[in-house]
Amino acid sequence: MAQVKPMEYVLKMAGKRRVTLPHQIVSTLKLAEGDRMSIVIHSPTDIRLVRYRLPRKDLMTPEIRKELAERRREIQEGAPLISLDTVLKRAAAKRAAVKAAAKLNPRVKLQEAQGATE
């Protein structure tokens, strides 16, 4: 997403804890009806509204699931947010490194297979 100039809006909570987002926020985040959003609270003064996207199930491998679980743990421990694309690229890089090591040492492949079943 392109850099945007910082904006500030005052929102009022309506009945049933509903909040209406201003048009500028909706258009900046390219939101449509039915889209999901995540509210990420870093501190009482650092609260972020983030577009939430579910990853395609057909692309979710055990390695990616493990990487995402690890990343969730890091975030809970205070690590800065990074994009899902970055997380997936890191997972792919780790997988490529394991494959390269397996070519050099066949025992690595066996250890990796045993680790995946645990």
Protein backbone atom coordinates (compact mmCIF):
# COMPACT_ATOMS: atom_id res chain seq x y z
CA MET A 1 0.00 0.00 0.00
CA ALA A 2 1.31 3.45 -0.87
CA GLN A 3 2.30 5.89 1.83
CA VAL A 4 -0.50 8.24 2.82
CA LYS A 5 -0.42 11.45 4.75
CA PRO A 6 -1.35 10.91 8.42
CA MET A 7 -5.04 11.52 9.02
CA GLU A 8 -7.04 11.87 12.22
CA TYR A 9 -10.78 11.39 12.61
CA VAL A 10 -13.05 11.57 15.62
CA LEU A 11 -15.60 8.77 15.59
CA LYS A 12 -18.69 8.40 17.73
CA MET A 13 -19.86 5.03 19.00
CA ALA A 14 -23.52 4.44 18.18
CA GLY A 15 -25.94 1.84 19.50
CA LYS A 16 -24.72 -1.74 19.79
CA ARG A 17 -21.10 -0.47 19.83
CA ARG A 18 -21.18 0.44 16.13
CA VAL A 19 -18.84 2.96 14.56
CA THR A 20 -19.20 4.42 11.06
CA LEU A 21 -15.93 4.83 9.17
CA PRO A 22 -15.50 8.04 7.20
CA HIS A 23 -15.39 7.71 3.41
CA GLN A 24 -11.70 8.73 3.32
CA ILE A 25 -10.71 5.76 5.51
CA VAL A 26 -12.83 3.35 3.47
CA SER A 27 -11.35 4.54 0.19
CA THR A 28 -7.76 4.65 1.51
CA LEU A 29 -8.01 1.04 2.75
CA LYS A 30 -9.99 0.04 -0.37
CA LEU A 31 -12.70 -1.53 1.76
CA ALA A 32 -16.00 -2.90 0.50
CA GLU A 33 -19.10 -4.16 2.24
CA GLY A 34 -18.37 -7.47 3.93
CA ASP A 35 -14.61 -6.87 4.25
CA ARG A 36 -13.08 -7.77 7.57
CA MET A 37 -10.82 -5.52 9.60
CA SER A 38 -8.54 -6.16 12.50
CA ILE A 39 -7.93 -3.69 15.29
CA VAL A 40 -4.38 -4.04 16.58
CA ILE A 41 -3.70 -2.49 19.98
CA HIS A 42 -0.02 -1.87 20.67
CA SER A 43 -0.71 0.46 23.60
CA PRO A 44 -3.62 2.66 24.74
CA THR A 45 -2.33 5.40 22.43
CA ASP A 46 -1.28 3.21 19.48
CA ILE A 47 -4.33 1.50 17.99
CA ARG A 48 -4.39 0.49 14.32
CA LEU A 49 -7.16 -0.52 11.94
CA VAL A 50 -5.84 -3.10 9.48
CA ARG A 51 -7.55 -4.79 6.56
CA TYR A 52 -7.90 -8.47 7.44
CA ARG A 53 -7.43 -11.08 4.74
CA LEU A 54 -7.80 -14.79 5.13
CA PRO A 55 -5.09 -16.71 3.32
CA ARG A 56 -6.22 -19.17 0.66
CA LYS A 57 -6.60 -22.60 2.25
CA ASP A 58 -5.16 -24.36 -0.78
CA LEU A 59 -1.88 -22.46 -0.26
CA MET A 60 -1.56 -23.21 3.46
CA THR A 61 1.19 -25.77 3.96
CA PRO A 62 2.29 -27.10 7.36
CA GLU A 63 5.42 -24.95 7.07
CA ILE A 64 3.39 -21.80 6.47
CA ARG A 65 1.02 -22.63 9.34
CA LYS A 66 4.04 -23.09 11.62
CA GLU A 67 5.55 -19.78 10.44
CA LEU A 68 2.27 -17.92 11.03
CA ALA A 69 1.90 -19.41 14.52
CA GLU A 70 5.47 -18.37 15.31
CA ARG A 71 4.76 -14.86 14.00
CA ARG A 72 1.61 -14.57 16.16
CA ARG A 73 3.71 -15.48 19.20
CA GLU A 74 6.29 -12.82 18.27
CA ILE A 75 3.58 -10.17 17.93
CA GLN A 76 2.12 -11.08 21.33
CA GLU A 77 5.62 -10.62 22.76
CA GLY A 78 5.82 -7.12 21.26
CA ALA A 79 7.49 -7.59 17.86
CA PRO A 80 6.61 -4.95 15.24
CA LEU A 81 3.99 -5.74 12.62
CA ILE A 82 5.09 -6.78 9.15
CA SER A 83 3.04 -7.67 6.10
CA LEU A 84 1.78 -11.17 5.43
CA ASP A 85 3.79 -11.11 2.20
CA THR A 86 6.98 -10.61 4.21
CA VAL A 87 6.08 -13.48 6.56
CA LEU A 88 5.40 -15.79 3.60
CA LYS A 89 8.65 -14.75 1.87
CA ARG A 90 10.57 -15.57 5.04
CA ALA A 91 8.87 -18.98 5.20
CA ALA A 92 9.79 -19.64 1.56
CA ALA A 93 13.40 -18.60 2.22
CA LYS A 94 13.62 -20.96 5.20
CA ARG A 95 12.17 -23.79 3.10
CA ALA A 96 14.66 -23.09 0.30
CA ALA A 97 17.54 -23.15 2.81
CA VAL A 98 16.36 -26.50 4.19
CA LYS A 99 16.10 -27.94 0.66
CA ALA A 100 19.59 -26.69 -0.19
CA ALA A 101 20.98 -28.21 3.00
CA ALA A 102 19.19 -31.49 2.25
CA LYS A 103 20.97 -31.72 -1.09
CA LEU A 104 24.30 -31.42 0.70
CA ASN A 105 23.38 -33.68 3.60
CA PRO A 106 20.59 -36.29 3.22
CA ARG A 107 20.25 -36.58 7.02
CA VAL A 108 18.85 -33.03 7.10
CA LYS A 109 15.91 -34.21 5.01
CA LEU A 110 15.22 -37.01 7.47
CA GLN A 111 15.44 -34.64 10.45
CA GLU A 112 13.09 -32.19 8.73
CA ALA A 113 10.52 -34.94 8.05
CA GLN A 114 10.68 -36.05 11.69
CA GLY A 115 10.25 -32.43 12.85
CA ALA A 116 7.17 -31.95 10.64
CA THR A 117 5.40 -34.91 12.22
CA GLU A 118 5.92 -33.75 15.81
